[in-house]
Protein backbone atom coordinates (compact mmCIF):
# COMPACT_ATOMS: atom_id res chain seq x y z
CA UNK A 1 0.00 0.00 0.00
CA UNK A 2 1.26 3.47 -0.88
CA UNK A 3 0.71 4.92 2.56
CA UNK A 4 2.22 2.02 4.46
CA UNK A 5 4.86 3.23 6.85
CA UNK A 6 7.76 1.43 5.22
CA UNK A 7 10.52 2.73 7.47
CA UNK A 8 9.16 1.61 10.81
CA UNK A 9 7.68 -1.47 12.39
CA UNK A 10 4.15 -1.71 11.07
CA UNK A 11 3.14 -4.17 13.82
CA UNK A 12 3.23 -1.48 16.48
CA UNK A 13 0.01 -0.01 17.91
CA UNK A 14 -1.86 2.20 15.46
CA UNK A 15 -1.70 5.93 16.09
CA UNK A 16 -5.38 6.92 16.08
CA UNK A 17 -4.44 10.51 15.22
CA UNK A 18 -2.31 9.45 12.27
CA UNK A 19 -1.83 12.09 9.60
CA UNK A 20 -1.23 11.36 5.92
CA UNK A 21 1.21 13.86 4.49
CA UNK A 22 2.56 14.33 0.98
CA UNK A 23 5.71 16.33 1.63
CA UNK A 24 7.99 18.13 -0.82
CA UNK A 25 11.05 20.33 -0.80
CA UNK A 26 11.85 22.77 -3.59
CA UNK A 27 13.21 21.41 -6.85
CA UNK A 28 16.93 22.13 -7.33
CA UNK A 29 17.74 23.58 -10.74
CA UNK A 30 19.51 21.09 -12.98
CA UNK A 31 22.24 23.37 -14.31
CA UNK A 32 24.79 22.95 -11.55
CA UNK A 33 25.81 21.12 -8.37
CA UNK A 34 23.96 21.16 -5.09
CA UNK A 35 25.30 23.60 -2.51
CA UNK A 36 24.75 23.87 1.22
CA UNK A 37 21.64 25.98 0.73
CA UNK A 38 20.01 23.06 -1.08
CA UNK A 39 21.25 20.68 1.60
CA UNK A 40 19.91 22.75 4.49
CA UNK A 41 16.41 22.68 2.99
CA UNK A 42 16.59 18.95 2.27
CA UNK A 43 17.88 18.24 5.79
CA UNK A 44 15.13 20.37 7.32
CA UNK A 45 12.49 18.48 5.32
CA UNK A 46 14.04 15.08 5.87
CA UNK A 47 14.26 15.57 9.65
CA UNK A 48 10.62 16.67 9.68
CA UNK A 49 9.59 13.59 7.68
CA UNK A 50 11.60 11.16 9.81
CA UNK A 51 10.30 12.65 13.07
CA UNK A 52 6.68 12.45 11.95
CA UNK A 53 7.10 8.87 10.79
CA UNK A 54 8.77 8.04 14.08
CA UNK A 55 5.67 9.27 15.90
CA UNK A 56 3.35 7.09 13.82
CA UNK A 57 2.29 9.39 10.99
CA UNK A 58 2.43 8.34 7.34
CA UNK A 59 4.63 10.62 5.28
CA UNK A 60 5.71 10.34 1.66
CA UNK A 61 8.50 12.69 0.65
CA UNK A 62 8.95 13.43 -3.06
CA UNK A 63 11.13 15.80 -5.02
CA UNK A 64 12.66 16.23 -8.49
CA UNK A 65 15.14 18.35 -10.31
CA UNK A 66 13.92 21.40 -12.22
CA UNK A 67 15.10 20.66 -15.74
CA UNK A 68 13.76 23.35 -18.10
CA UNK A 69 14.49 26.90 -19.12
CA UNK A 70 16.89 29.08 -21.09
CA UNK A 71 19.83 28.79 -18.66
CA UNK A 72 19.93 25.02 -19.15
CA UNK A 73 19.57 25.38 -22.91
CA UNK A 74 22.49 27.84 -23.07
CA UNK A 75 24.70 25.86 -20.71
CA UNK A 76 24.15 22.72 -22.79
CA UNK A 77 25.12 24.64 -25.91
CA UNK A 78 28.32 25.85 -24.26
CA UNK A 79 29.13 22.28 -23.18
CA UNK A 80 28.44 20.85 -26.62
CA UNK A 81 25.74 18.48 -25.36
CA UNK A 82 21.97 18.32 -25.64
CA UNK A 83 19.86 19.75 -22.81
CA UNK A 84 18.60 16.23 -22.15
CA UNK A 85 22.15 14.98 -21.68
CA UNK A 86 23.00 17.88 -19.39
CA UNK A 87 20.01 17.43 -17.08
CA UNK A 88 20.51 13.66 -16.97
CA UNK A 89 24.11 14.08 -15.83
CA UNK A 90 23.27 16.79 -13.29
CA UNK A 91 20.37 14.67 -12.08
CA UNK A 92 22.71 11.78 -11.38
CA UNK A 93 24.96 14.11 -9.35
CA UNK A 94 22.00 15.50 -7.41
CA UNK A 95 20.74 12.04 -6.54
CA UNK A 96 24.20 10.95 -5.41
CA UNK A 97 24.73 13.99 -3.19
CA UNK A 98 21.29 13.80 -1.63
CA UNK A 99 21.78 10.09 -0.95
CA UNK A 100 25.14 10.72 0.69
CA UNK A 101 23.48 13.29 2.96
CA UNK A 102 20.94 10.57 3.82
CA UNK A 103 17.97 12.48 2.44
CA UNK A 104 15.23 9.86 2.51
CA UNK A 105 13.17 10.68 -0.56
CA UNK A 106 10.44 8.22 -1.38
CA UNK A 107 10.91 9.39 -4.95
CA UNK A 108 13.20 11.81 -6.79
CA UNK A 109 12.16 12.54 -10.36
CA UNK A 110 12.58 15.17 -13.10
CA UNK A 111 10.38 17.89 -14.57
CA UNK A 112 11.60 16.72 -17.99
CA UNK A 113 9.47 13.61 -17.85
CA UNK A 114 6.39 12.10 -19.45
CA UNK A 115 4.57 12.36 -16.11
CA UNK A 116 5.20 16.09 -15.89
CA UNK A 117 4.10 16.71 -19.45
CA UNK A 118 0.92 14.70 -18.84
CA UNK A 119 0.08 16.49 -15.58
CA UNK A 120 0.88 19.90 -17.05
CA UNK A 121 -1.32 19.22 -20.07
CA UNK A 122 -4.22 18.22 -17.83
CA UNK A 123 -3.89 21.35 -15.71
CA UNK A 124 -3.50 23.71 -18.69
CA UNK A 125 -6.52 22.27 -20.50
CA UNK A 126 -8.62 22.61 -17.34
CA UNK A 127 -7.52 26.22 -16.84
CA UNK A 128 -8.26 27.01 -20.47
CA UNK A 129 -11.70 25.39 -20.25
CA UNK A 130 -12.40 27.46 -17.12
CA UNK A 131 -11.70 30.69 -19.02
CA UNK A 132 -8.52 31.43 -17.08
CA UNK A 133 -6.11 31.48 -20.04
CA UNK A 134 -5.80 34.47 -22.35
CA UNK A 135 -3.51 35.21 -25.31
CA UNK A 136 -2.46 38.58 -26.62
CA UNK A 137 0.37 40.33 -28.39
CA UNK A 138 2.91 42.01 -26.13
CA UNK A 139 6.25 43.75 -26.43
CA UNK A 140 9.09 41.45 -25.42
CA UNK A 141 12.72 42.14 -24.64
CA UNK A 142 14.87 41.16 -27.62
CA UNK A 143 18.66 40.84 -27.63
CA UNK A 144 19.80 42.34 -30.96
CA UNK A 145 23.22 40.72 -30.63
CA UNK A 146 22.11 37.19 -29.75
CA UNK A 147 19.01 37.38 -31.93
CA UNK A 148 16.63 35.94 -29.33
CA UNK A 149 13.95 36.92 -26.87
CA UNK A 150 15.38 37.33 -23.38
CA UNK A 151 13.95 35.51 -20.37
CA UNK A 152 13.40 37.70 -17.32
CA UNK A 153 16.47 36.34 -15.55
CA UNK A 154 18.71 37.30 -18.47
CA UNK A 155 17.88 40.96 -18.09
CA UNK A 156 19.63 42.96 -15.40
CA UNK A 157 19.20 46.53 -14.27
CA UNK A 158 18.22 48.88 -11.47
CA UNK A 159 15.04 48.13 -9.52
CA UNK A 160 12.35 50.70 -10.44
CA UNK A 161 10.96 50.58 -6.91
CA UNK A 162 13.91 50.80 -4.51
CA UNK A 163 16.82 51.69 -6.81
CA UNK A 164 18.89 48.59 -6.01
CA UNK A 165 21.44 47.95 -8.76
CA UNK A 166 22.01 44.75 -10.75
CA UNK A 167 18.62 43.16 -10.21
CA UNK A 168 16.89 40.48 -12.28
CA UNK A 169 14.18 41.28 -14.79
CA UNK A 170 11.29 39.77 -12.84
CA UNK A 171 11.85 40.56 -9.15
CA UNK A 172 14.13 42.57 -6.89
CA UNK A 173 16.14 40.55 -4.39
CA UNK A 174 16.46 43.60 -2.13
CA UNK A 175 12.89 44.87 -1.72
CA UNK A 176 10.91 41.94 -3.16
CA UNK A 177 9.14 44.03 -5.80
CA UNK A 178 7.91 42.29 -8.95
CA UNK A 179 7.76 44.06 -12.29
CA UNK A 180 8.06 43.67 -16.04
CA UNK A 181 11.62 43.24 -17.37
CA UNK A 182 11.58 46.44 -19.38
CA UNK A 183 10.50 48.37 -16.27
CA UNK A 184 14.10 48.05 -15.06
CA UNK A 185 16.18 51.20 -15.17
CA UNK A 186 19.18 50.88 -17.51
CA UNK A 187 18.15 47.37 -18.50
CA UNK A 188 20.77 45.27 -20.28
CA UNK A 189 21.13 41.74 -21.61
CA UNK A 190 23.03 39.43 -19.32
CA UNK A 191 24.12 37.48 -22.41
CA UNK A 192 25.60 40.24 -24.55
CA UNK A 193 25.47 43.42 -22.48
CA UNK A 194 23.35 45.08 -25.15
CA UNK A 195 20.34 47.22 -24.29
CA UNK A 196 17.25 45.09 -24.98
CA UNK A 197 14.96 46.16 -27.77
CA UNK A 198 11.20 45.72 -27.80
CA UNK A 199 9.70 43.27 -30.25
CA UNK A 200 6.10 42.04 -30.52
CA UNK A 201 5.14 38.45 -29.74
CA UNK A 202 1.95 36.60 -28.89
CA UNK A 203 1.98 35.24 -25.35
CA UNK A 204 -0.34 33.23 -23.12
CA UNK A 205 -1.45 34.48 -19.72
CA UNK A 206 -2.95 32.93 -16.61
CA UNK A 207 -5.58 35.36 -15.32
CA UNK A 208 -4.60 35.29 -11.67
CA UNK A 209 -6.83 38.20 -10.70
CA UNK A 210 -9.97 36.18 -11.44
CA UNK A 211 -9.04 33.92 -8.51
CA UNK A 212 -8.35 36.66 -5.96
CA UNK A 213 -11.37 35.68 -3.86
CA UNK A 214 -10.25 32.07 -3.69
CA UNK A 215 -6.66 33.07 -2.87
CA UNK A 216 -7.76 35.29 0.00
CA UNK A 217 -9.82 32.44 1.43
CA UNK A 218 -6.96 29.98 0.96
CA UNK A 219 -4.45 32.31 2.62
CA UNK A 220 -6.78 32.61 5.60
CA UNK A 221 -6.96 28.83 6.05
CA UNK A 222 -3.62 27.42 4.85
CA UNK A 223 -0.63 27.03 7.13
CA UNK A 224 1.76 29.91 6.41
CA UNK A 225 4.25 31.73 8.59
CA UNK A 226 3.28 35.25 9.71
CA UNK A 227 6.13 36.81 7.72
CA UNK A 228 5.03 35.02 4.55
CA UNK A 229 1.39 35.96 5.10
CA UNK A 230 2.38 39.59 5.53
CA UNK A 231 4.46 39.55 2.35
CA UNK A 232 1.60 38.05 0.38
CA UNK A 233 -0.62 40.80 1.72
CA UNK A 234 1.68 43.34 0.10
CA UNK A 235 1.27 41.64 -3.26
CA UNK A 236 -2.52 41.75 -2.90
CA UNK A 237 -2.33 45.45 -2.14
CA UNK A 238 -0.29 45.99 -5.29
CA UNK A 239 -2.91 44.10 -7.30
CA UNK A 240 -2.77 40.62 -8.82
CA UNK A 241 -1.64 40.81 -12.43
CA UNK A 242 -2.08 38.31 -15.23
CA UNK A 243 0.88 35.93 -15.30
CA UNK A 244 2.80 35.40 -18.53
CA UNK A 245 3.11 31.61 -18.75
CA UNK A 246 4.68 31.30 -22.22
CA UNK A 247 8.13 31.72 -23.73
CA UNK A 248 9.27 31.90 -27.33
CA UNK A 249 11.52 29.48 -29.16
CA UNK A 250 14.36 28.70 -28.82
CA UNK A 251 13.53 27.30 -25.39
CA UNK A 252 14.05 24.01 -23.58
CA UNK A 253 10.74 22.91 -22.14
CA UNK A 254 7.29 21.65 -23.08
CA UNK A 255 5.54 23.18 -26.08
CA UNK A 256 2.09 24.64 -25.39
CA UNK A 257 -0.57 22.47 -27.04
CA UNK A 258 -1.82 24.06 -30.27
CA UNK A 259 0.79 26.83 -30.19
CA UNK A 260 3.86 25.90 -32.26
CA UNK A 261 7.01 27.71 -31.16
CA UNK A 262 5.50 28.67 -27.80
CA UNK A 263 6.68 26.92 -24.64
CA UNK A 264 5.51 26.81 -21.05
CA UNK A 265 7.55 29.09 -18.81
CA UNK A 266 9.74 27.03 -16.47
CA UNK A 267 7.88 28.27 -13.39
CA UNK A 268 4.65 26.80 -14.79
CA UNK A 269 5.91 23.25 -15.11
CA UNK A 270 8.32 23.32 -12.13
CA UNK A 271 5.70 23.03 -9.34
CA UNK A 272 3.77 20.54 -11.47
CA UNK A 273 6.95 18.49 -10.98
CA UNK A 274 5.70 17.70 -7.46
CA UNK A 275 2.67 16.00 -8.99
CA UNK A 276 4.87 14.31 -11.60
CA UNK A 277 7.19 12.83 -8.98
CA UNK A 278 4.15 11.67 -7.01
CA UNK A 279 2.68 10.14 -10.20
CA UNK A 280 5.91 8.28 -10.87
CA UNK A 281 5.84 6.81 -7.36
CA UNK A 282 2.15 5.94 -7.55
CA UNK A 283 2.49 4.26 -10.93
CA UNK A 284 5.12 1.92 -9.52
CA UNK A 285 2.87 1.09 -6.57
CA UNK A 286 -0.40 0.79 -8.50
CA UNK A 287 -2.22 3.70 -6.82
CA UNK A 288 -4.26 6.56 -8.31
CA UNK A 289 -1.99 9.62 -7.94
CA UNK A 290 -4.79 12.14 -8.42
CA UNK A 291 -6.74 11.05 -5.35
CA UNK A 292 -4.39 12.95 -3.04
CA UNK A 293 -5.17 16.15 -5.00
CA UNK A 294 -8.95 15.83 -4.67
CA UNK A 295 -10.82 18.06 -2.24
CA UNK A 296 -12.42 15.15 -0.41
CA UNK A 297 -9.11 13.39 0.33
CA UNK A 298 -7.61 13.92 3.80
CA UNK A 299 -4.01 13.89 2.58
CA UNK A 300 -2.12 17.00 3.64
CA UNK A 301 0.06 18.50 0.89
CA UNK A 302 2.98 20.33 2.47
CA UNK A 303 5.63 22.28 0.55
CA UNK A 304 8.87 23.37 2.24
CA UNK A 305 10.66 26.05 0.20
CA UNK A 306 13.15 28.90 0.33
CA UNK A 307 11.66 32.28 1.19
CA UNK A 308 12.71 33.66 -2.21
CA UNK A 309 10.15 31.55 -4.08
CA UNK A 310 7.05 32.10 -1.93
CA UNK A 311 5.51 34.26 -4.67
CA UNK A 312 5.25 31.29 -7.02
CA UNK A 313 4.26 28.73 -4.38
CA UNK A 314 1.74 30.78 -2.42
CA UNK A 315 -0.01 32.67 -5.25
CA UNK A 316 0.39 31.09 -8.68
CA UNK A 317 0.58 27.45 -7.61
CA UNK A 318 -2.53 27.25 -5.39
CA UNK A 319 -4.42 29.34 -7.97
CA UNK A 320 -3.40 26.97 -10.77
CA UNK A 321 -4.49 23.95 -8.78
CA UNK A 322 -7.82 25.45 -7.76
CA UNK A 323 -8.51 26.71 -11.26
CA UNK A 324 -7.89 23.19 -12.58
CA UNK A 325 -10.29 21.67 -10.06
CA UNK A 326 -7.56 20.27 -7.80
CA UNK A 327 -6.83 20.70 -4.11
CA UNK A 328 -4.35 23.46 -3.20
CA UNK A 329 -1.54 22.82 -0.72
CA UNK A 330 -2.35 22.55 2.97
CA UNK A 331 0.85 24.37 3.92
CA UNK A 332 3.59 26.38 2.23
CA UNK A 333 6.43 26.70 4.73
CA UNK A 334 9.39 28.93 3.94
CA UNK A 335 12.88 29.04 5.40
CA UNK A 336 15.80 31.44 5.23
CA UNK A 337 19.11 31.31 3.42
CA UNK A 338 22.42 29.80 4.55
CA UNK A 339 25.36 32.11 5.09
CA UNK A 340 28.92 30.96 5.78
CA UNK A 341 30.92 32.73 8.49
CA UNK A 342 28.36 35.54 8.41
CA UNK A 343 28.61 36.16 4.68
CA UNK A 344 26.52 35.25 1.66
CA UNK A 345 28.00 32.24 -0.09
CA UNK A 346 30.62 33.47 -2.55
CA UNK A 347 33.09 31.62 -4.75
CA UNK A 348 35.58 34.49 -4.69
CA UNK A 349 35.57 34.60 -0.87
CA UNK A 350 35.81 30.83 -0.51
CA UNK A 351 32.42 30.59 1.20
CA UNK A 352 30.55 28.87 -1.64
CA UNK A 353 30.48 25.27 -0.45
CA UNK A 354 29.02 22.58 -2.66
CA UNK A 355 27.53 19.44 -1.19
CA UNK A 356 30.34 17.35 -2.66
CA UNK A 357 33.07 19.64 -1.31
CA UNK A 358 31.67 19.21 2.17
CA UNK A 359 31.32 15.44 1.80
CA UNK A 360 34.90 15.14 0.63
CA UNK A 361 36.01 16.68 3.93
CA UNK A 362 33.59 15.53 6.64
CA UNK A 363 30.77 13.07 7.43
CA UNK A 364 27.30 14.15 6.36
CA UNK A 365 25.78 13.65 9.80
CA UNK A 366 27.90 16.35 11.39
CA UNK A 367 26.31 18.95 9.13
CA UNK A 368 22.89 17.35 9.52
CA UNK A 369 23.24 17.78 13.27
CA UNK A 370 24.49 21.37 13.01
CA UNK A 371 21.61 22.36 10.75
CA UNK A 372 19.17 20.56 13.04
CA UNK A 373 20.51 22.55 15.98
CA UNK A 374 20.13 25.86 14.12
CA UNK A 375 16.87 25.44 12.22
CA UNK A 376 13.49 26.64 13.37
CA UNK A 377 10.04 27.20 11.94
CA UNK A 378 10.71 30.82 10.95
CA UNK A 379 12.18 32.40 7.84
CA UNK A 380 15.38 33.76 9.40
CA UNK A 381 18.68 33.02 7.71
CA UNK A 382 21.05 30.62 9.44
CA UNK A 383 24.81 30.99 9.56
CA UNK A 384 27.29 28.16 9.19
CA UNK A 385 30.10 29.48 11.32
CA UNK A 386 32.82 26.92 10.68
CA UNK A 387 34.53 27.24 14.06
CA UNK A 388 31.21 27.10 15.89
CA UNK A 389 30.35 24.06 13.77
CA UNK A 390 33.55 22.27 14.81
CA UNK A 391 33.13 23.09 18.47
CA UNK A 392 29.44 22.19 18.57
CA UNK A 393 29.98 18.79 16.95
CA UNK A 394 32.88 18.00 19.24
CA UNK A 395 31.10 19.23 22.35
CA UNK A 396 27.59 17.91 21.73
CA UNK A 397 28.01 14.74 19.72
CA UNK A 398 31.36 13.51 20.97
CA UNK A 399 31.74 15.17 24.37
CA UNK A 400 28.15 14.71 25.54
CA UNK A 401 26.22 12.14 23.52
CA UNK A 402 28.77 9.47 22.59
CA UNK A 403 30.63 10.01 25.85
CA UNK A 404 27.79 8.35 27.79
CA UNK A 405 28.18 5.06 25.93
CA UNK A 406 31.98 5.21 25.83
CA UNK A 407 32.24 5.63 29.62
CA UNK A 408 29.92 2.73 30.50
CA UNK A 409 30.00 0.07 27.80
CA UNK A 410 33.34 -1.39 28.89
CA UNK A 411 32.05 -2.18 32.38
CA UNK A 412 29.16 -4.19 30.90
CA UNK A 413 31.69 -6.33 29.05
CA UNK A 414 34.11 -6.58 31.97
CA UNK A 415 31.71 -7.13 34.87
CA UNK A 416 28.61 -8.50 33.14
CA UNK A 417 30.15 -10.60 30.43
CA UNK A 418 28.45 -8.30 27.91
CA UNK A 419 25.02 -8.71 29.54
CA UNK A 420 23.01 -5.79 30.89
CA UNK A 421 21.68 -5.90 34.44
CA UNK A 422 18.16 -7.10 35.17
CA UNK A 423 17.42 -3.93 37.14
CA UNK A 424 18.08 -0.22 36.85
CA UNK A 425 19.98 1.87 39.36
CA UNK A 426 17.79 4.93 38.67
CA UNK A 427 14.46 3.84 37.11
CA UNK A 428 12.92 7.23 37.85
CA UNK A 429 15.56 8.96 35.71
CA UNK A 430 14.95 6.61 32.78
CA UNK A 431 11.20 7.24 33.12
CA UNK A 432 11.84 10.98 33.10
CA UNK A 433 13.88 10.70 29.89
CA UNK A 434 11.09 8.64 28.29
CA UNK A 435 8.49 11.23 29.29
CA UNK A 436 10.61 14.02 27.78
CA UNK A 437 9.91 12.52 24.36
CA UNK A 438 6.50 14.20 24.28
CA UNK A 439 7.98 17.70 24.23
CA UNK A 440 10.80 16.69 21.91
CA UNK A 441 8.38 15.06 19.49
CA UNK A 442 6.16 18.14 19.56
CA UNK A 443 9.14 20.37 18.73
CA UNK A 444 10.09 18.20 15.76
CA UNK A 445 6.48 18.15 14.54
CA UNK A 446 6.42 21.95 14.67
CA UNK A 447 9.65 22.01 12.56
CA UNK A 448 11.49 23.43 15.57
CA UNK A 449 14.42 21.03 15.36
CA UNK A 450 16.65 23.55 17.11
CA UNK A 451 14.34 23.45 20.14
CA UNK A 452 14.29 19.65 20.00
CA UNK A 453 18.10 19.49 19.93
CA UNK A 454 18.38 21.88 22.89
CA UNK A 455 16.10 19.62 24.92
CA UNK A 456 18.03 16.52 23.87
CA UNK A 457 21.38 18.04 24.82
CA UNK A 458 19.97 19.14 28.17
CA UNK A 459 19.07 15.50 28.76
CA UNK A 460 22.56 14.46 27.65
CA UNK A 461 24.00 16.83 30.26
CA UNK A 462 21.84 15.19 32.92
CA UNK A 463 22.89 11.72 31.79
CA UNK A 464 26.57 12.68 32.02
CA UNK A 465 25.99 14.26 35.42
CA UNK A 466 24.39 11.01 36.57
CA UNK A 467 27.36 8.96 35.35
CA UNK A 468 29.81 11.37 36.97
CA UNK A 469 27.92 11.27 40.24
CA UNK A 470 27.66 7.48 40.36
CA UNK A 471 31.23 7.07 39.02
CA UNK A 472 31.16 3.41 37.94
CA UNK A 473 34.94 3.44 37.57
CA UNK A 474 35.24 4.21 41.29
CA UNK A 475 32.55 1.67 42.26
CA UNK A 476 34.42 -1.01 40.31
CA UNK A 477 37.48 -0.50 42.50
CA UNK A 478 35.50 -0.98 45.72
CA UNK A 479 34.86 -4.71 46.37
CA UNK A 480 31.89 -3.88 48.57
CA UNK A 481 30.17 -1.83 45.81
CA UNK A 482 31.11 -3.67 42.64
CA UNK A 483 27.58 -5.05 42.36
CA UNK A 484 26.30 -1.50 41.81
CA UNK A 485 28.32 -1.00 38.63
CA UNK A 486 26.21 -3.03 36.23
CA UNK A 487 22.84 -1.44 37.20
CA UNK A 488 24.46 2.01 36.95
CA UNK A 489 25.87 1.31 33.49
CA UNK A 490 22.60 -0.32 32.40
CA UNK A 491 20.79 2.85 33.48
CA UNK A 492 23.26 5.02 31.58
CA UNK A 493 22.95 2.93 28.41
CA UNK A 494 19.17 3.11 28.60
CA UNK A 495 19.45 6.89 28.82
CA UNK A 496 21.80 6.78 25.83
CA UNK A 497 19.35 4.59 23.93
CA UNK A 498 16.55 7.11 24.48
CA UNK A 499 18.80 9.98 23.42
CA UNK A 500 19.55 8.01 20.26
CA UNK A 501 15.84 7.62 19.60
CA UNK A 502 15.41 11.39 19.90
CA UNK A 503 18.42 12.12 17.68
CA UNK A 504 17.43 9.58 15.02
CA UNK A 505 15.76 12.12 12.68
CA UNK A 506 19.01 14.10 12.52
CA UNK A 507 21.51 11.21 12.79
CA UNK A 508 19.96 8.25 10.96
CA UNK A 509 23.22 6.37 10.33
CA UNK A 510 24.75 6.78 13.78
CA UNK A 511 21.54 5.90 15.59
CA UNK A 512 21.03 2.89 13.32
CA UNK A 513 24.42 1.63 14.56
CA UNK A 514 23.25 2.22 18.12
CA UNK A 515 20.14 0.21 17.34
CA UNK A 516 22.23 -2.68 16.04
CA UNK A 517 24.27 -2.57 19.23
CA UNK A 518 21.38 -2.14 21.70
CA UNK A 519 18.78 -4.49 20.23
CA UNK A 520 17.06 -1.78 18.21
CA UNK A 521 15.91 1.66 19.23
CA UNK A 522 12.70 1.64 21.28
CA UNK A 523 9.43 2.19 19.46
CA UNK A 524 8.19 5.74 20.05
CA UNK A 525 4.97 4.58 21.67
CA UNK A 526 6.77 2.04 23.88
CA UNK A 527 9.85 3.98 24.87
CA UNK A 528 9.02 3.67 28.59
CA UNK A 529 10.10 0.00 28.54
CA UNK A 530 13.83 -0.24 29.44
CA UNK A 531 16.30 -2.67 27.89
CA UNK A 532 17.31 -5.15 30.59
CA UNK A 533 19.01 -8.52 30.96
CA UNK A 534 20.18 -8.90 27.36
CA UNK A 535 23.62 -9.45 25.93
CA UNK A 536 25.10 -6.66 23.85
CA UNK A 537 28.07 -6.67 21.51
CA UNK A 538 31.35 -4.94 22.40
CA UNK A 539 31.16 -1.18 21.98
CA UNK A 540 32.60 0.30 18.77
CA UNK A 541 33.42 4.01 18.57
CA UNK A 542 30.52 5.84 16.92
CA UNK A 543 31.80 9.33 16.14
CA UNK A 544 35.20 11.01 15.89
CA UNK A 545 36.14 14.54 16.77
CA UNK A 546 36.35 17.16 14.00
CA UNK A 547 39.83 18.60 13.65
CA UNK A 548 40.73 22.06 12.39
CA UNK A 549 42.31 20.74 9.18
CA UNK A 550 39.04 19.15 8.04
CA UNK A 551 37.16 22.39 8.60
CA UNK A 552 39.89 24.40 6.88
CA UNK A 553 39.41 22.23 3.78
CA UNK A 554 35.94 23.72 3.36
CA UNK A 555 37.20 27.24 2.74
């Protein structure tokens, strides 16, 4: 069954409040490698998915790479390959990097696919039949040197609203204003540097303003952050304009049915890529993919995106779906950007870090943990301070978390023959750690992984304080108290096992090793039951400290 919880024990008690969630993260563009901004979003989404599954909810996480548009067409030309060859190669790299960061997609697909073309055609035909598509002749920016119409992103100039220099032709990155490309002051072609000329062309438009009433109702009911809701309010105040959804040849994308030489704008078919990836998964599992997009289905559709693309996801996308008779998303949740050492990622400053560059230097889970510790449910940017990263990993993961197991496991082997005690030294402390899972689980479910990590590390401090206070190494030297050692160490390892359960969404590989060592991690709904009287294997070191040389390799 499609919604079967494939990652966890399906024999456990059913969660009567189980949610069904179709979860996505934004589609990375298929013209270059993944960088740490992509990874932070994927980690945020993956942790959210794993935590919800852990608590008994059914989550399917799909994504794809965004494979169309002029930039890909031009890059393929420069490389001497076809656009199809370029996106296939980049897609393989994206899949590899995501996999190495342990991003647990249920499906990763491409917008250049038969499923996307089919879904896009269905939506466009429905919008057209509903009277929401219009065509008319407009003046387009034309590069007289290159001899082609210029996409918005290939026109640069000064923002007509705030005066910020070197802005794109569709939106200002400084003030967030949207405008027509030729509204830019001192507009120029990013391809040739020439001043664009105006040339007439027939284009197709989605009449967004006709759906203003629906959008206002949807914004009132959908899950959005306050900052995003406020920003959308500004766009309503400015007035909803018809959206140009077509581009002229030459263009790499899907041709508009019945309009030779006219192609769907990349931002039209990109979000449809969520449906396409879902279709691809459903087709393999023999399930109707469109049921989840029907109004009477209780599946939640949740998009996690960067704050720079909320305009497309929270206005155009829900309007397209509604206009086509489909269910709009339940939630559009934005996040901030990643800076490195307080600065925007920059190749010239050595702060542009690709996913592969990081992986060549350090284990993926260290960065997963750092992002987990920094991320929250807001839209604030997060900073990867490399020295803070090194110290936090060494302090939290090695000095606090792993330290609990390292200090106690040897005594189980030496004094218990590898077998845990039948009783706990401090059952009330283990019960307290188990009860703490409610608040930790709630933080994860609210996408407040930073709050969850703070609670987990506070528990780790308490566990280490317990071990220090009971000092099994000192008890082992006292013949009259040797019998206390095994219950103390069994208590400590049960605390460690619960900490591992709570860290599992962020550290899937490390905690899987803990599970292999300690007879599996406890089921979320049965975490109160301690592990007693069983034999465990000899302890193997789980995590190593990060040295300065490894961090230096990132810059």
